[in-house]
Amino acid sequence: MADQEITCRDCGSTFVFTEGEQEFYNSKNLSSPQRCKECRAAAKNQRMGEREMHDAVCAKCGADCQVPFKPRPVEEGGKPVLCRDCFMAERN
């Protein structure tokens, strides 16, 4: 595979889709990117900025945190909320 030049669908600039990036995308069954890295980052920031965050208390360490969903009390059928650090520790 050779490097490819792709035109960004948002800003119209060309960017290089390297051979290594192509191999990675193929290994994950992803299609080629349609936006340059800057426009992808801008689109991601816009999506993340629209996400409403809710205050919560971590069930494991007791720290105040924010989560992207409205937590329900455990006694009302909700699940325990974990802060990012405790969530990542549980995940690994």
C-alpha atoms as a PDB file:
ATOM      1  CA  MET A   1       0.000   0.000   0.000  1.00  0.00           C
ATOM      2  CA  ALA A   2       1.218   3.489  -0.795  1.00  0.00           C
ATOM      3  CA  ASP A   3       0.359   6.677   1.081  1.00  0.00           C
ATOM      4  CA  GLN A   4      -2.878   8.247  -0.161  1.00  0.00           C
ATOM      5  CA  GLU A   5      -3.770  11.912  -0.483  1.00  0.00           C
ATOM      6  CA  ILE A   6      -7.373  12.551   0.577  1.00  0.00           C
ATOM      7  CA  THR A   7      -9.354  15.783   0.321  1.00  0.00           C
ATOM      8  CA  CYS A   8     -11.099  16.737   3.573  1.00  0.00           C
ATOM      9  CA  ARG A   9     -14.859  16.942   3.088  1.00  0.00           C
ATOM     10  CA  ASP A  10     -15.146  19.811   5.595  1.00  0.00           C
ATOM     11  CA  CYS A  11     -12.284  22.218   4.858  1.00  0.00           C
ATOM     12  CA  GLY A  12     -11.189  21.018   1.408  1.00  0.00           C
ATOM     13  CA  SER A  13      -7.516  20.684   2.298  1.00  0.00           C
ATOM     14  CA  THR A  14      -5.606  17.568   1.336  1.00  0.00           C
ATOM     15  CA  PHE A  15      -4.036  15.296   3.926  1.00  0.00           C
ATOM     16  CA  VAL A  16      -1.907  12.175   3.764  1.00  0.00           C
ATOM     17  CA  PHE A  17      -3.399   8.841   4.796  1.00  0.00           C
ATOM     18  CA  THR A  18      -0.196   6.926   5.499  1.00  0.00           C
ATOM     19  CA  GLU A  19       0.457   3.279   4.806  1.00  0.00           C
ATOM     20  CA  GLY A  20       0.596   2.593   8.564  1.00  0.00           C
ATOM     21  CA  GLU A  21      -2.728   4.344   9.129  1.00  0.00           C
ATOM     22  CA  GLN A  22      -4.266   2.358   6.277  1.00  0.00           C
ATOM     23  CA  GLU A  23      -3.084  -0.918   7.836  1.00  0.00           C
ATOM     24  CA  PHE A  24      -4.549   0.113  11.207  1.00  0.00           C
ATOM     25  CA  TYR A  25      -7.896   1.131   9.670  1.00  0.00           C
ATOM     26  CA  ASN A  26      -8.030  -2.138   7.685  1.00  0.00           C
ATOM     27  CA  SER A  27      -7.259  -4.218  10.788  1.00  0.00           C
ATOM     28  CA  LYS A  28     -10.233  -2.583  12.555  1.00  0.00           C
ATOM     29  CA  ASN A  29     -12.502  -2.836   9.469  1.00  0.00           C
ATOM     30  CA  LEU A  30     -12.799   0.957   9.332  1.00  0.00           C
ATOM     31  CA  SER A  31     -13.344   2.971   6.168  1.00  0.00           C
ATOM     32  CA  SER A  32     -10.850   5.634   5.130  1.00  0.00           C
ATOM     33  CA  PRO A  33     -11.190   8.964   6.930  1.00  0.00           C
ATOM     34  CA  GLN A  34     -13.086  11.711   5.120  1.00  0.00           C
ATOM     35  CA  ARG A  35     -11.827  14.567   7.314  1.00  0.00           C
ATOM     36  CA  CYS A  36      -8.326  15.824   8.129  1.00  0.00           C
ATOM     37  CA  LYS A  37      -7.076  15.403  11.701  1.00  0.00           C
ATOM     38  CA  GLU A  38      -7.928  19.006  12.602  1.00  0.00           C
ATOM     39  CA  CYS A  39     -11.530  18.718  11.345  1.00  0.00           C
ATOM     40  CA  ARG A  40     -11.954  15.310  13.059  1.00  0.00           C
ATOM     41  CA  ALA A  41     -10.773  16.854  16.343  1.00  0.00           C
ATOM     42  CA  ALA A  42     -13.120  19.826  15.879  1.00  0.00           C
ATOM     43  CA  ALA A  43     -16.081  17.518  15.166  1.00  0.00           C
ATOM     44  CA  LYS A  44     -15.271  15.400  18.230  1.00  0.00           C
ATOM     45  CA  ASN A  45     -15.008  18.485  20.451  1.00  0.00           C
ATOM     46  CA  GLN A  46     -18.358  19.706  19.153  1.00  0.00           C
ATOM     47  CA  ARG A  47     -20.008  16.347  19.926  1.00  0.00           C
ATOM     48  CA  MET A  48     -18.462  16.182  23.381  1.00  0.00           C
ATOM     49  CA  GLY A  49     -19.442  19.780  24.140  1.00  0.00           C
ATOM     50  CA  GLU A  50     -23.092  18.954  23.502  1.00  0.00           C
ATOM     51  CA  ARG A  51     -23.116  16.161  26.068  1.00  0.00           C
ATOM     52  CA  GLU A  52     -24.969  17.069  29.239  1.00  0.00           C
ATOM     53  CA  MET A  53     -23.137  16.009  32.378  1.00  0.00           C
ATOM     54  CA  HIS A  54     -24.770  15.173  35.751  1.00  0.00           C
ATOM     55  CA  ASP A  55     -23.302  15.415  39.250  1.00  0.00           C
ATOM     56  CA  ALA A  56     -22.801  12.136  41.118  1.00  0.00           C
ATOM     57  CA  VAL A  57     -20.832  10.582  43.975  1.00  0.00           C
ATOM     58  CA  CYS A  58     -18.580   7.588  43.297  1.00  0.00           C
ATOM     59  CA  ALA A  59     -19.933   4.476  45.015  1.00  0.00           C
ATOM     60  CA  LYS A  60     -16.408   3.120  45.499  1.00  0.00           C
ATOM     61  CA  CYS A  61     -14.253   6.035  46.685  1.00  0.00           C
ATOM     62  CA  GLY A  62     -16.888   8.653  47.560  1.00  0.00           C
ATOM     63  CA  ALA A  63     -15.424  11.337  45.285  1.00  0.00           C
ATOM     64  CA  ASP A  64     -17.665  13.887  43.595  1.00  0.00           C
ATOM     65  CA  CYS A  65     -17.764  13.310  39.846  1.00  0.00           C
ATOM     66  CA  GLN A  66     -19.797  13.946  36.735  1.00  0.00           C
ATOM     67  CA  VAL A  67     -21.306  11.337  34.439  1.00  0.00           C
ATOM     68  CA  PRO A  68     -22.974  11.598  30.995  1.00  0.00           C
ATOM     69  CA  PHE A  69     -26.252  10.083  32.254  1.00  0.00           C
ATOM     70  CA  LYS A  70     -28.725  10.967  34.977  1.00  0.00           C
ATOM     71  CA  PRO A  71     -27.939   8.589  37.853  1.00  0.00           C
ATOM     72  CA  ARG A  72     -30.800   6.930  39.722  1.00  0.00           C
ATOM     73  CA  PRO A  73     -30.564   5.906  43.373  1.00  0.00           C
ATOM     74  CA  VAL A  74     -29.722   2.229  43.889  1.00  0.00           C
ATOM     75  CA  GLU A  75     -32.875   1.770  45.967  1.00  0.00           C
ATOM     76  CA  GLU A  76     -34.887   2.876  42.898  1.00  0.00           C
ATOM     77  CA  GLY A  77     -33.257   0.300  40.625  1.00  0.00           C
ATOM     78  CA  GLY A  78     -30.232   2.368  39.611  1.00  0.00           C
ATOM     79  CA  LYS A  79     -26.723   1.003  39.434  1.00  0.00           C
ATOM     80  CA  PRO A  80     -23.761   2.252  41.493  1.00  0.00           C
ATOM     81  CA  VAL A  81     -21.925   5.158  39.828  1.00  0.00           C
ATOM     82  CA  LEU A  82     -18.133   5.101  39.600  1.00  0.00           C
ATOM     83  CA  CYS A  83     -15.793   8.042  39.007  1.00  0.00           C
ATOM     84  CA  ARG A  84     -13.499   7.813  35.990  1.00  0.00           C
ATOM     85  CA  ASP A  85     -10.529   6.500  38.009  1.00  0.00           C
ATOM     86  CA  CYS A  86     -12.548   3.760  39.748  1.00  0.00           C
ATOM     87  CA  PHE A  87     -14.322   2.860  36.497  1.00  0.00           C
ATOM     88  CA  MET A  88     -10.996   2.430  34.694  1.00  0.00           C
ATOM     89  CA  ALA A  89      -9.559   0.400  37.592  1.00  0.00           C
ATOM     90  CA  GLU A  90     -12.594  -1.935  37.524  1.00  0.00           C
ATOM     91  CA  ARG A  91     -12.369  -2.224  33.735  1.00  0.00           C
ATOM     92  CA  ASN A  92      -8.757  -3.445  33.777  1.00  0.00           C
END
